[in-house]
Amino acid sequence: MTDPFHSRLARGVSRGLVAALGSVWLVACAQPAPPPPPASAPAADSQTLYRQIRDEIGEPTCSSTAQCRSSPVGQKACGGPEAYVVWSTTVSDGTRLRQLIDAYTRARQSDNQRSGLVSNCVMVNDPGARCEAGRCVAGPQGRPVM
């Protein structure tokens, strides 16, 4: 046998729940659909941009350390640059190189988001750059980066 009090209580709760869910459904359906995302040009291929960066850097020759620079490139999935490139102000157009690096970084961010890629989140430090034997090199051992 069921208790009439509990039976009425259950029916009341059920009706209240149905009414509440119905209200939520009506409010949700009444909201306008979000606008479609703006059409944009397809992102440049990151590999193509990387090749353009390497071409712009060329052979980073120098006669003094003042002509050598290091710049962060790319984007790790958890933030921060992937690496640093070393370049020479006597060989590369700094403005053009910065534009290529910025485009490459945006492309890598997009690649990471699209693929769901994760990275090791280890911070990559700027190795700096110096002129050694007529070539811009990075780090204390003078190894070229990238």
N, C-alpha and C. Protein backbone atom coordinates (compact mmCIF):
# COMPACT_ATOMS: atom_id res chain seq x y z
N MET A 1 0.83 -1.16 0.00
CA MET A 1 0.00 0.00 0.00
C MET A 1 0.89 1.23 0.00
N THR A 2 0.44 2.17 -0.73
CA THR A 2 1.20 3.40 -0.77
C THR A 2 0.54 4.42 0.15
N ASP A 3 1.35 5.22 0.71
CA ASP A 3 0.90 6.27 1.61
C ASP A 3 0.34 7.41 0.76
N PRO A 4 -0.92 7.84 0.96
CA PRO A 4 -1.51 8.88 0.13
C PRO A 4 -0.73 10.19 0.22
N PHE A 5 -0.16 10.51 1.36
CA PHE A 5 0.60 11.75 1.50
C PHE A 5 1.83 11.74 0.58
N HIS A 6 2.58 10.64 0.63
CA HIS A 6 3.78 10.54 -0.19
C HIS A 6 3.44 10.47 -1.66
N SER A 7 2.34 9.86 -2.00
CA SER A 7 1.90 9.76 -3.38
C SER A 7 1.57 11.15 -3.93
N ARG A 8 0.83 11.96 -3.16
CA ARG A 8 0.52 13.33 -3.58
C ARG A 8 1.78 14.16 -3.66
N LEU A 9 2.69 13.98 -2.70
CA LEU A 9 3.95 14.73 -2.69
C LEU A 9 4.76 14.40 -3.95
N ALA A 10 4.84 13.13 -4.29
CA ALA A 10 5.58 12.71 -5.48
C ALA A 10 4.98 13.31 -6.74
N ARG A 11 3.62 13.30 -6.85
CA ARG A 11 2.97 13.89 -8.02
C ARG A 11 3.24 15.39 -8.09
N GLY A 12 3.22 16.05 -6.94
CA GLY A 12 3.47 17.49 -6.90
C GLY A 12 4.89 17.82 -7.31
N VAL A 13 5.84 17.04 -6.83
CA VAL A 13 7.25 17.25 -7.18
C VAL A 13 7.45 16.98 -8.66
N SER A 14 6.84 15.92 -9.17
CA SER A 14 6.96 15.59 -10.59
C SER A 14 6.41 16.71 -11.45
N ARG A 15 5.22 17.22 -11.10
CA ARG A 15 4.62 18.30 -11.87
C ARG A 15 5.50 19.55 -11.81
N GLY A 16 6.04 19.85 -10.64
CA GLY A 16 6.92 21.02 -10.50
C GLY A 16 8.19 20.88 -11.32
N LEU A 17 8.74 19.67 -11.31
CA LEU A 17 9.95 19.41 -12.09
C LEU A 17 9.68 19.55 -13.58
N VAL A 18 8.57 18.99 -14.04
CA VAL A 18 8.21 19.10 -15.45
C VAL A 18 7.99 20.56 -15.83
N ALA A 19 7.33 21.32 -14.97
CA ALA A 19 7.08 22.73 -15.26
C ALA A 19 8.40 23.51 -15.33
N ALA A 20 9.29 23.23 -14.40
CA ALA A 20 10.58 23.93 -14.38
C ALA A 20 11.40 23.59 -15.63
N LEU A 21 11.45 22.31 -15.98
CA LEU A 21 12.20 21.91 -17.17
C LEU A 21 11.57 22.50 -18.43
N GLY A 22 10.25 22.54 -18.46
CA GLY A 22 9.57 23.14 -19.61
C GLY A 22 9.91 24.61 -19.74
N SER A 23 9.97 25.32 -18.63
CA SER A 23 10.32 26.74 -18.66
C SER A 23 11.75 26.94 -19.18
N VAL A 24 12.65 26.12 -18.68
CA VAL A 24 14.05 26.21 -19.13
C VAL A 24 14.13 25.95 -20.62
N TRP A 25 13.40 24.95 -21.09
CA TRP A 25 13.41 24.60 -22.50
C TRP A 25 12.89 25.76 -23.35
N LEU A 26 11.80 26.38 -22.90
CA LEU A 26 11.24 27.50 -23.65
C LEU A 26 12.20 28.68 -23.71
N VAL A 27 12.86 28.97 -22.60
CA VAL A 27 13.82 30.08 -22.56
C VAL A 27 15.00 29.77 -23.48
N ALA A 28 15.48 28.52 -23.43
CA ALA A 28 16.61 28.14 -24.27
C ALA A 28 16.26 28.23 -25.75
N CYS A 29 15.07 27.83 -26.09
CA CYS A 29 14.66 27.86 -27.49
C CYS A 29 14.37 29.28 -27.97
N ALA A 30 14.06 30.17 -27.05
CA ALA A 30 13.73 31.54 -27.43
C ALA A 30 14.97 32.37 -27.74
N GLN A 31 16.16 31.89 -27.34
CA GLN A 31 17.39 32.63 -27.58
C GLN A 31 17.73 32.59 -29.07
N PRO A 32 18.14 33.71 -29.64
CA PRO A 32 18.52 33.68 -31.06
C PRO A 32 19.78 32.85 -31.25
N ALA A 33 19.90 32.26 -32.41
CA ALA A 33 21.08 31.46 -32.72
C ALA A 33 22.28 32.39 -32.80
N PRO A 34 23.44 31.93 -32.33
CA PRO A 34 24.63 32.78 -32.42
C PRO A 34 24.99 33.03 -33.88
N PRO A 35 25.57 34.18 -34.17
CA PRO A 35 25.94 34.48 -35.56
C PRO A 35 27.05 33.52 -36.01
N PRO A 36 27.12 33.23 -37.30
CA PRO A 36 28.18 32.36 -37.78
C PRO A 36 29.52 33.05 -37.61
N PRO A 37 30.60 32.28 -37.46
CA PRO A 37 31.92 32.91 -37.33
C PRO A 37 32.25 33.68 -38.59
N PRO A 38 33.00 34.77 -38.46
CA PRO A 38 33.34 35.56 -39.65
C PRO A 38 34.20 34.73 -40.60
N ALA A 39 33.95 34.93 -41.87
CA ALA A 39 34.77 34.25 -42.87
C ALA A 39 36.15 34.88 -42.87
N SER A 40 37.15 34.06 -42.87
CA SER A 40 38.51 34.60 -42.89
C SER A 40 39.34 33.78 -43.87
N ALA A 41 40.41 34.36 -44.27
CA ALA A 41 41.31 33.67 -45.18
C ALA A 41 41.92 32.48 -44.45
N PRO A 42 42.16 31.38 -45.14
CA PRO A 42 42.76 30.23 -44.48
C PRO A 42 44.14 30.59 -43.93
N ALA A 43 44.44 30.02 -42.79
CA ALA A 43 45.74 30.29 -42.17
C ALA A 43 46.86 29.75 -43.06
N ALA A 44 47.94 30.48 -43.09
CA ALA A 44 49.08 30.04 -43.88
C ALA A 44 49.65 28.77 -43.25
N ASP A 45 50.13 27.90 -44.07
CA ASP A 45 50.71 26.65 -43.62
C ASP A 45 51.97 26.94 -42.80
N SER A 46 52.04 26.36 -41.60
CA SER A 46 53.17 26.66 -40.72
C SER A 46 54.50 26.19 -41.31
N GLN A 47 54.49 25.08 -42.04
CA GLN A 47 55.74 24.60 -42.64
C GLN A 47 56.25 25.57 -43.71
N THR A 48 55.33 26.12 -44.49
CA THR A 48 55.71 27.10 -45.51
C THR A 48 56.29 28.34 -44.84
N LEU A 49 55.63 28.80 -43.78
CA LEU A 49 56.12 29.98 -43.06
C LEU A 49 57.49 29.72 -42.44
N TYR A 50 57.69 28.53 -41.92
CA TYR A 50 58.99 28.18 -41.33
C TYR A 50 60.09 28.25 -42.40
N ARG A 51 59.80 27.72 -43.59
CA ARG A 51 60.78 27.79 -44.68
C ARG A 51 61.07 29.24 -45.06
N GLN A 52 60.04 30.08 -45.07
CA GLN A 52 60.24 31.50 -45.38
C GLN A 52 61.10 32.18 -44.33
N ILE A 53 60.92 31.81 -43.08
CA ILE A 53 61.76 32.36 -42.00
C ILE A 53 63.21 31.94 -42.24
N ARG A 54 63.43 30.66 -42.52
CA ARG A 54 64.80 30.16 -42.75
C ARG A 54 65.42 30.87 -43.97
N ASP A 55 64.62 31.09 -45.01
CA ASP A 55 65.12 31.78 -46.21
C ASP A 55 65.49 33.23 -45.88
N GLU A 56 64.65 33.90 -45.08
CA GLU A 56 64.93 35.29 -44.71
C GLU A 56 66.20 35.39 -43.86
N ILE A 57 66.42 34.40 -43.01
CA ILE A 57 67.63 34.41 -42.16
C ILE A 57 68.86 34.12 -43.00
N GLY A 58 68.73 33.18 -43.93
CA GLY A 58 69.86 32.85 -44.80
C GLY A 58 71.08 32.43 -43.99
N GLU A 59 72.23 32.86 -44.43
CA GLU A 59 73.49 32.62 -43.71
C GLU A 59 73.74 33.86 -42.85
N PRO A 60 73.55 33.77 -41.53
CA PRO A 60 73.63 34.96 -40.68
C PRO A 60 75.07 35.41 -40.42
N THR A 61 75.67 36.03 -41.43
CA THR A 61 77.06 36.48 -41.30
C THR A 61 77.13 37.78 -40.50
N CYS A 62 78.30 38.02 -39.91
CA CYS A 62 78.48 39.20 -39.06
C CYS A 62 79.96 39.55 -38.97
N SER A 63 80.20 40.78 -38.55
CA SER A 63 81.56 41.21 -38.24
C SER A 63 81.67 41.63 -36.78
N SER A 64 80.50 41.74 -36.11
CA SER A 64 80.49 42.05 -34.68
C SER A 64 79.21 41.52 -34.04
N THR A 65 79.24 41.31 -32.74
CA THR A 65 78.09 40.80 -32.00
C THR A 65 76.90 41.76 -32.09
N ALA A 66 77.16 43.05 -32.26
CA ALA A 66 76.08 44.04 -32.36
C ALA A 66 75.16 43.76 -33.55
N GLN A 67 75.61 42.98 -34.51
CA GLN A 67 74.80 42.66 -35.69
C GLN A 67 73.96 41.39 -35.50
N CYS A 68 74.08 40.72 -34.38
CA CYS A 68 73.40 39.44 -34.15
C CYS A 68 72.20 39.60 -33.22
N ARG A 69 71.12 38.89 -33.54
CA ARG A 69 69.89 38.94 -32.76
C ARG A 69 69.34 37.52 -32.58
N SER A 70 68.55 37.33 -31.53
CA SER A 70 67.80 36.10 -31.37
C SER A 70 66.33 36.48 -31.18
N SER A 71 65.44 35.71 -31.79
CA SER A 71 64.01 36.00 -31.72
C SER A 71 63.23 34.73 -31.42
N PRO A 72 62.20 34.84 -30.55
CA PRO A 72 61.36 33.67 -30.26
C PRO A 72 60.47 33.35 -31.46
N VAL A 73 60.27 32.05 -31.71
CA VAL A 73 59.41 31.63 -32.81
C VAL A 73 58.47 30.52 -32.34
N GLY A 74 57.30 30.47 -32.98
CA GLY A 74 56.35 29.40 -32.70
C GLY A 74 55.62 29.59 -31.39
N GLN A 75 54.82 28.60 -31.06
CA GLN A 75 54.03 28.64 -29.84
C GLN A 75 53.83 27.21 -29.35
N LYS A 76 54.30 26.94 -28.15
CA LYS A 76 54.02 25.65 -27.54
C LYS A 76 52.55 25.58 -27.17
N ALA A 77 52.03 24.38 -27.09
CA ALA A 77 50.60 24.21 -26.78
C ALA A 77 50.24 24.82 -25.43
N CYS A 78 51.15 24.80 -24.48
CA CYS A 78 50.83 25.36 -23.17
C CYS A 78 51.39 26.78 -23.00
N GLY A 79 51.86 27.38 -24.08
CA GLY A 79 52.34 28.75 -24.04
C GLY A 79 53.84 28.87 -24.16
N GLY A 80 54.27 30.01 -24.57
CA GLY A 80 55.69 30.28 -24.73
C GLY A 80 56.21 29.83 -26.08
N PRO A 81 57.38 30.35 -26.46
CA PRO A 81 57.93 30.02 -27.78
C PRO A 81 58.41 28.57 -27.86
N GLU A 82 58.39 28.04 -29.09
CA GLU A 82 58.93 26.69 -29.34
C GLU A 82 60.45 26.71 -29.31
N ALA A 83 61.00 27.79 -29.84
CA ALA A 83 62.46 27.89 -29.98
C ALA A 83 62.83 29.34 -30.25
N TYR A 84 64.10 29.56 -30.49
CA TYR A 84 64.62 30.88 -30.87
C TYR A 84 65.42 30.72 -32.15
N VAL A 85 65.34 31.73 -33.00
CA VAL A 85 66.18 31.76 -34.20
C VAL A 85 67.22 32.85 -34.01
N VAL A 86 68.37 32.61 -34.58
CA VAL A 86 69.46 33.59 -34.54
C VAL A 86 69.61 34.14 -35.94
N TRP A 87 69.74 35.45 -36.04
CA TRP A 87 69.81 36.09 -37.34
C TRP A 87 70.74 37.30 -37.29
N SER A 88 71.09 37.77 -38.45
CA SER A 88 72.03 38.88 -38.57
C SER A 88 71.32 40.09 -39.18
N THR A 89 71.56 41.25 -38.60
CA THR A 89 70.98 42.48 -39.13
C THR A 89 71.60 42.87 -40.47
N THR A 90 72.76 42.32 -40.78
CA THR A 90 73.39 42.63 -42.06
C THR A 90 72.83 41.78 -43.20
N VAL A 91 72.15 40.70 -42.88
CA VAL A 91 71.62 39.79 -43.89
C VAL A 91 70.10 39.88 -43.98
N SER A 92 69.43 39.93 -42.84
CA SER A 92 67.97 39.84 -42.81
C SER A 92 67.31 41.21 -42.63
N ASP A 93 66.13 41.34 -43.24
CA ASP A 93 65.28 42.50 -43.03
C ASP A 93 64.50 42.23 -41.74
N GLY A 94 64.83 42.94 -40.68
CA GLY A 94 64.22 42.70 -39.38
C GLY A 94 62.70 42.83 -39.38
N THR A 95 62.17 43.81 -40.11
CA THR A 95 60.72 44.01 -40.17
C THR A 95 60.06 42.83 -40.86
N ARG A 96 60.60 42.43 -41.99
CA ARG A 96 60.04 41.28 -42.73
C ARG A 96 60.14 40.01 -41.90
N LEU A 97 61.26 39.80 -41.23
CA LEU A 97 61.45 38.61 -40.41
C LEU A 97 60.43 38.59 -39.27
N ARG A 98 60.21 39.72 -38.62
CA ARG A 98 59.24 39.80 -37.52
C ARG A 98 57.84 39.46 -38.02
N GLN A 99 57.47 39.94 -39.21
CA GLN A 99 56.16 39.62 -39.79
C GLN A 99 56.02 38.12 -40.04
N LEU A 100 57.06 37.51 -40.57
CA LEU A 100 57.03 36.07 -40.82
C LEU A 100 56.94 35.29 -39.51
N ILE A 101 57.72 35.71 -38.52
CA ILE A 101 57.70 35.04 -37.22
C ILE A 101 56.33 35.16 -36.57
N ASP A 102 55.72 36.35 -36.64
CA ASP A 102 54.39 36.54 -36.07
C ASP A 102 53.36 35.66 -36.78
N ALA A 103 53.43 35.59 -38.10
CA ALA A 103 52.50 34.74 -38.86
C ALA A 103 52.71 33.27 -38.52
N TYR A 104 53.97 32.86 -38.38
CA TYR A 104 54.27 31.47 -38.02
C TYR A 104 53.74 31.16 -36.63
N THR A 105 53.92 32.07 -35.69
CA THR A 105 53.43 31.85 -34.33
C THR A 105 51.91 31.70 -34.32
N ARG A 106 51.21 32.56 -35.06
CA ARG A 106 49.75 32.44 -35.14
C ARG A 106 49.35 31.10 -35.78
N ALA A 107 50.06 30.69 -36.81
CA ALA A 107 49.76 29.41 -37.46
C ALA A 107 49.98 28.25 -36.50
N ARG A 108 51.03 28.30 -35.71
CA ARG A 108 51.31 27.23 -34.75
C ARG A 108 50.25 27.21 -33.64
N GLN A 109 49.79 28.38 -33.19
CA GLN A 109 48.71 28.43 -32.21
C GLN A 109 47.48 27.75 -32.78
N SER A 110 47.17 28.05 -34.03
CA SER A 110 46.02 27.45 -34.69
C SER A 110 46.20 25.94 -34.83
N ASP A 111 47.40 25.51 -35.23
CA ASP A 111 47.70 24.08 -35.33
C ASP A 111 47.47 23.39 -34.00
N ASN A 112 47.96 24.00 -32.93
CA ASN A 112 47.82 23.42 -31.59
C ASN A 112 46.36 23.29 -31.18
N GLN A 113 45.57 24.34 -31.42
CA GLN A 113 44.16 24.31 -31.06
C GLN A 113 43.40 23.29 -31.88
N ARG A 114 43.68 23.23 -33.16
CA ARG A 114 42.98 22.32 -34.06
C ARG A 114 43.28 20.86 -33.73
N SER A 115 44.52 20.58 -33.39
CA SER A 115 44.93 19.19 -33.16
C SER A 115 44.77 18.75 -31.72
N GLY A 116 44.55 19.70 -30.81
CA GLY A 116 44.48 19.33 -29.39
C GLY A 116 45.84 18.90 -28.85
N LEU A 117 46.88 19.33 -29.51
CA LEU A 117 48.24 18.97 -29.14
C LEU A 117 48.60 19.46 -27.75
N VAL A 118 49.38 18.68 -27.04
CA VAL A 118 49.92 19.10 -25.76
C VAL A 118 51.43 19.14 -25.88
N SER A 119 52.07 19.90 -25.02
CA SER A 119 53.53 19.96 -25.07
C SER A 119 54.08 19.72 -23.68
N ASN A 120 55.39 19.71 -23.58
CA ASN A 120 56.03 19.43 -22.30
C ASN A 120 56.03 20.64 -21.35
N CYS A 121 55.62 21.79 -21.81
CA CYS A 121 55.51 23.01 -21.01
C CYS A 121 56.83 23.47 -20.40
N VAL A 122 57.94 22.96 -20.89
CA VAL A 122 59.24 23.42 -20.42
C VAL A 122 59.53 24.76 -21.08
N MET A 123 59.90 25.73 -20.27
CA MET A 123 60.18 27.06 -20.80
C MET A 123 61.48 27.04 -21.60
N VAL A 124 61.43 27.62 -22.79
CA VAL A 124 62.61 27.72 -23.65
C VAL A 124 63.20 29.11 -23.43
N ASN A 125 64.41 29.15 -22.91
CA ASN A 125 65.06 30.44 -22.62
C ASN A 125 65.74 31.01 -23.86
N ASP A 126 65.76 32.33 -23.92
CA ASP A 126 66.44 33.02 -25.00
C ASP A 126 67.94 32.79 -24.83
N PRO A 127 68.57 32.17 -25.84
CA PRO A 127 69.99 31.88 -25.72
C PRO A 127 70.87 33.10 -25.99
N GLY A 128 70.26 34.16 -26.54
CA GLY A 128 71.07 35.31 -26.95
C GLY A 128 71.79 34.99 -28.24
N ALA A 129 72.53 35.95 -28.74
CA ALA A 129 73.26 35.74 -30.00
C ALA A 129 74.57 36.51 -29.93
N ARG A 130 75.57 35.95 -30.59
CA ARG A 130 76.87 36.63 -30.66
C ARG A 130 77.54 36.27 -31.97
N CYS A 131 78.51 37.06 -32.34
CA CYS A 131 79.26 36.83 -33.57
C CYS A 131 80.48 35.97 -33.24
N GLU A 132 80.58 34.85 -33.94
CA GLU A 132 81.71 33.95 -33.73
C GLU A 132 82.20 33.48 -35.10
N ALA A 133 83.44 33.78 -35.39
CA ALA A 133 84.05 33.39 -36.67
C ALA A 133 83.22 33.86 -37.87
N GLY A 134 82.70 35.10 -37.77
CA GLY A 134 81.98 35.69 -38.88
C GLY A 134 80.54 35.21 -39.07
N ARG A 135 80.01 34.51 -38.05
CA ARG A 135 78.64 33.98 -38.15
C ARG A 135 77.93 34.21 -36.82
N CYS A 136 76.65 34.64 -36.90
CA CYS A 136 75.85 34.79 -35.68
C CYS A 136 75.50 33.40 -35.17
N VAL A 137 75.77 33.19 -33.89
CA VAL A 137 75.50 31.90 -33.24
C VAL A 137 74.78 32.17 -31.91
N ALA A 138 74.21 31.12 -31.37
CA ALA A 138 73.46 31.23 -30.12
C ALA A 138 74.11 30.43 -29.01
N GLY A 139 73.79 30.84 -27.80
CA GLY A 139 74.19 30.08 -26.63
C GLY A 139 75.68 30.13 -26.34
N PRO A 140 76.03 29.66 -25.15
CA PRO A 140 77.43 29.70 -24.72
C PRO A 140 78.35 28.82 -25.57
N GLN A 141 77.82 27.72 -26.14
CA GLN A 141 78.66 26.85 -26.97
C GLN A 141 78.68 27.32 -28.42
N GLY A 142 77.90 28.33 -28.73
CA GLY A 142 77.90 28.87 -30.09
C GLY A 142 77.21 27.97 -31.09
N ARG A 143 76.18 27.23 -30.64
CA ARG A 143 75.44 26.37 -31.56
C ARG A 143 74.31 27.17 -32.19
N PRO A 144 74.13 27.09 -33.51
CA PRO A 144 72.99 27.74 -34.13
C PRO A 144 71.68 27.12 -33.63
N VAL A 145 70.65 27.93 -33.49
CA VAL A 145 69.37 27.46 -33.01
C VAL A 145 68.45 27.27 -34.22
N MET A 146 67.66 26.22 -34.19
CA MET A 146 66.74 25.84 -35.27
C MET A 146 67.55 25.62 -36.49
